[in-house]
Amino acid sequence: MSGHGEQGELFAILWQPPDHPFRLRVNDLIRFDGRIGRVIRVSESAAVVIMNQKVRAFTTRFDKPVRFQPAPVTFRISANAESEILYRPSRKPGKHTERKCT
């Protein structure tokens, strides 16, 4: 570009690795304390996991067996926790994909 009126070309290959590839994501199934849970929300500092509780069974005073399922418990763990990921759904393009204007 020494005054010849030519424009220099800029060529670069931009490769960006995925942001935090080992971080927990929403809908991951994980094993935590020997039980299976699903990640329902992830922020910068924590991941919220929902896990079913064990079925409770007991006998009433009148010798009737009773079983009930308690509500699922939610708890927080680190978003970078070293837990076994059993299933990670593939990323599908969401509604924030690039649209073509016609």
C-alpha atoms as a PDB file:
ATOM      1  CA  MET A   1       0.000   0.000   0.000  1.00  0.00           C
ATOM      2  CA  SER A   2       2.574   2.460  -1.069  1.00  0.00           C
ATOM      3  CA  GLY A   3       0.324   4.873  -2.883  1.00  0.00           C
ATOM      4  CA  HIS A   4      -0.629   2.576  -5.786  1.00  0.00           C
ATOM      5  CA  GLY A   5      -4.330   2.961  -5.069  1.00  0.00           C
ATOM      6  CA  GLU A   6      -4.587  -0.699  -4.176  1.00  0.00           C
ATOM      7  CA  GLN A   7      -6.313  -1.896  -1.132  1.00  0.00           C
ATOM      8  CA  GLY A   8      -4.540  -4.434   1.013  1.00  0.00           C
ATOM      9  CA  GLU A   9      -6.289  -7.703   1.734  1.00  0.00           C
ATOM     10  CA  LEU A  10      -6.885  -8.962   5.183  1.00  0.00           C
ATOM     11  CA  PHE A  11      -7.201 -12.697   5.560  1.00  0.00           C
ATOM     12  CA  ALA A  12      -7.640 -14.493   8.834  1.00  0.00           C
ATOM     13  CA  ILE A  13      -9.180 -17.677  10.056  1.00  0.00           C
ATOM     14  CA  LEU A  14     -11.035 -17.083  13.272  1.00  0.00           C
ATOM     15  CA  TRP A  15     -11.494 -20.164  15.405  1.00  0.00           C
ATOM     16  CA  GLN A  16     -13.222 -19.804  18.696  1.00  0.00           C
ATOM     17  CA  PRO A  17     -13.337 -22.800  20.989  1.00  0.00           C
ATOM     18  CA  PRO A  18     -16.669 -23.395  22.740  1.00  0.00           C
ATOM     19  CA  ASP A  19     -17.168 -21.347  25.870  1.00  0.00           C
ATOM     20  CA  HIS A  20     -16.483 -23.576  28.868  1.00  0.00           C
ATOM     21  CA  PRO A  21     -16.702 -27.018  27.165  1.00  0.00           C
ATOM     22  CA  PHE A  22     -16.704 -28.925  30.469  1.00  0.00           C
ATOM     23  CA  ARG A  23     -19.268 -26.764  32.177  1.00  0.00           C
ATOM     24  CA  LEU A  24     -22.700 -28.073  33.098  1.00  0.00           C
ATOM     25  CA  ARG A  25     -25.495 -27.070  30.747  1.00  0.00           C
ATOM     26  CA  VAL A  26     -29.277 -26.992  30.994  1.00  0.00           C
ATOM     27  CA  ASN A  27     -30.928 -30.439  30.543  1.00  0.00           C
ATOM     28  CA  ASP A  28     -27.759 -32.387  31.356  1.00  0.00           C
ATOM     29  CA  LEU A  29     -28.410 -35.607  33.259  1.00  0.00           C
ATOM     30  CA  ILE A  30     -25.806 -36.036  35.978  1.00  0.00           C
ATOM     31  CA  ARG A  31     -24.999 -38.567  38.660  1.00  0.00           C
ATOM     32  CA  PHE A  32     -24.675 -36.930  42.068  1.00  0.00           C
ATOM     33  CA  ASP A  33     -24.195 -38.974  45.259  1.00  0.00           C
ATOM     34  CA  GLY A  34     -25.111 -42.131  43.355  1.00  0.00           C
ATOM     35  CA  ARG A  35     -28.451 -40.719  42.178  1.00  0.00           C
ATOM     36  CA  ILE A  36     -29.555 -39.163  38.899  1.00  0.00           C
ATOM     37  CA  GLY A  37     -30.539 -35.504  38.605  1.00  0.00           C
ATOM     38  CA  ARG A  38     -31.286 -33.021  35.844  1.00  0.00           C
ATOM     39  CA  VAL A  39     -29.733 -29.570  35.525  1.00  0.00           C
ATOM     40  CA  ILE A  40     -32.546 -27.041  35.161  1.00  0.00           C
ATOM     41  CA  ARG A  41     -30.689 -23.709  35.334  1.00  0.00           C
ATOM     42  CA  VAL A  42     -27.063 -22.598  35.021  1.00  0.00           C
ATOM     43  CA  SER A  43     -25.579 -19.225  35.925  1.00  0.00           C
ATOM     44  CA  GLU A  44     -22.005 -17.998  36.151  1.00  0.00           C
ATOM     45  CA  SER A  45     -21.590 -19.286  39.688  1.00  0.00           C
ATOM     46  CA  ALA A  46     -24.025 -22.168  40.203  1.00  0.00           C
ATOM     47  CA  ALA A  47     -26.129 -24.851  38.555  1.00  0.00           C
ATOM     48  CA  VAL A  48     -29.555 -25.765  39.907  1.00  0.00           C
ATOM     49  CA  VAL A  49     -30.247 -29.503  39.909  1.00  0.00           C
ATOM     50  CA  ILE A  50     -33.600 -31.207  40.435  1.00  0.00           C
ATOM     51  CA  MET A  51     -33.654 -34.742  41.817  1.00  0.00           C
ATOM     52  CA  ASN A  52     -36.512 -37.076  42.743  1.00  0.00           C
ATOM     53  CA  GLN A  53     -36.678 -38.258  46.327  1.00  0.00           C
ATOM     54  CA  LYS A  54     -37.135 -41.897  47.287  1.00  0.00           C
ATOM     55  CA  VAL A  55     -40.643 -43.270  47.613  1.00  0.00           C
ATOM     56  CA  ARG A  56     -41.693 -43.420  51.243  1.00  0.00           C
ATOM     57  CA  ALA A  57     -43.563 -46.499  52.404  1.00  0.00           C
ATOM     58  CA  PHE A  58     -44.951 -47.143  55.862  1.00  0.00           C
ATOM     59  CA  THR A  59     -47.793 -48.912  57.613  1.00  0.00           C
ATOM     60  CA  THR A  60     -50.521 -46.968  59.386  1.00  0.00           C
ATOM     61  CA  ARG A  61     -51.859 -47.770  62.829  1.00  0.00           C
ATOM     62  CA  PHE A  62     -54.629 -49.736  61.138  1.00  0.00           C
ATOM     63  CA  ASP A  63     -52.174 -51.988  59.234  1.00  0.00           C
ATOM     64  CA  LYS A  64     -52.730 -50.288  55.875  1.00  0.00           C
ATOM     65  CA  PRO A  65     -49.607 -49.981  53.725  1.00  0.00           C
ATOM     66  CA  VAL A  66     -49.127 -46.451  52.417  1.00  0.00           C
ATOM     67  CA  ARG A  67     -46.661 -45.242  49.764  1.00  0.00           C
ATOM     68  CA  PHE A  68     -46.152 -41.713  48.549  1.00  0.00           C
ATOM     69  CA  GLN A  69     -43.704 -39.861  46.366  1.00  0.00           C
ATOM     70  CA  PRO A  70     -42.357 -36.635  47.942  1.00  0.00           C
ATOM     71  CA  ALA A  71     -41.870 -33.563  45.780  1.00  0.00           C
ATOM     72  CA  PRO A  72     -38.526 -33.360  43.942  1.00  0.00           C
ATOM     73  CA  VAL A  73     -35.737 -31.584  45.763  1.00  0.00           C
ATOM     74  CA  THR A  74     -33.717 -28.791  44.141  1.00  0.00           C
ATOM     75  CA  PHE A  75     -30.208 -27.845  45.160  1.00  0.00           C
ATOM     76  CA  ARG A  76     -27.289 -25.835  43.846  1.00  0.00           C
ATOM     77  CA  ILE A  77     -23.836 -27.042  42.886  1.00  0.00           C
ATOM     78  CA  SER A  78     -20.947 -25.348  41.141  1.00  0.00           C
ATOM     79  CA  ALA A  79     -21.406 -24.881  37.396  1.00  0.00           C
ATOM     80  CA  ASN A  80     -17.906 -26.338  37.002  1.00  0.00           C
ATOM     81  CA  ALA A  81     -18.524 -29.281  39.361  1.00  0.00           C
ATOM     82  CA  GLU A  82     -16.758 -32.511  38.537  1.00  0.00           C
ATOM     83  CA  SER A  83     -19.801 -34.741  38.282  1.00  0.00           C
ATOM     84  CA  GLU A  84     -20.457 -37.553  35.845  1.00  0.00           C
ATOM     85  CA  ILE A  85     -22.584 -36.357  32.914  1.00  0.00           C
ATOM     86  CA  LEU A  86     -24.743 -39.270  31.808  1.00  0.00           C
ATOM     87  CA  TYR A  87     -26.543 -37.540  28.952  1.00  0.00           C
ATOM     88  CA  ARG A  88     -26.005 -34.236  27.204  1.00  0.00           C
ATOM     89  CA  PRO A  89     -28.578 -33.334  24.551  1.00  0.00           C
ATOM     90  CA  SER A  90     -27.216 -32.027  21.290  1.00  0.00           C
ATOM     91  CA  ARG A  91     -27.471 -28.320  20.738  1.00  0.00           C
ATOM     92  CA  LYS A  92     -30.227 -27.453  18.319  1.00  0.00           C
ATOM     93  CA  PRO A  93     -30.448 -24.056  16.707  1.00  0.00           C
ATOM     94  CA  GLY A  94     -32.867 -22.054  18.800  1.00  0.00           C
ATOM     95  CA  LYS A  95     -35.120 -19.199  17.956  1.00  0.00           C
ATOM     96  CA  HIS A  96     -32.153 -16.813  18.056  1.00  0.00           C
ATOM     97  CA  THR A  97     -30.723 -18.050  14.795  1.00  0.00           C
ATOM     98  CA  GLU A  98     -29.712 -15.704  12.040  1.00  0.00           C
ATOM     99  CA  ARG A  99     -32.566 -14.833   9.721  1.00  0.00           C
ATOM    100  CA  LYS A 100     -32.209 -14.164   6.029  1.00  0.00           C
ATOM    101  CA  CYS A 101     -33.787 -10.992   4.743  1.00  0.00           C
ATOM    102  CA  THR A 102     -35.444 -11.217   1.360  1.00  0.00           C
END
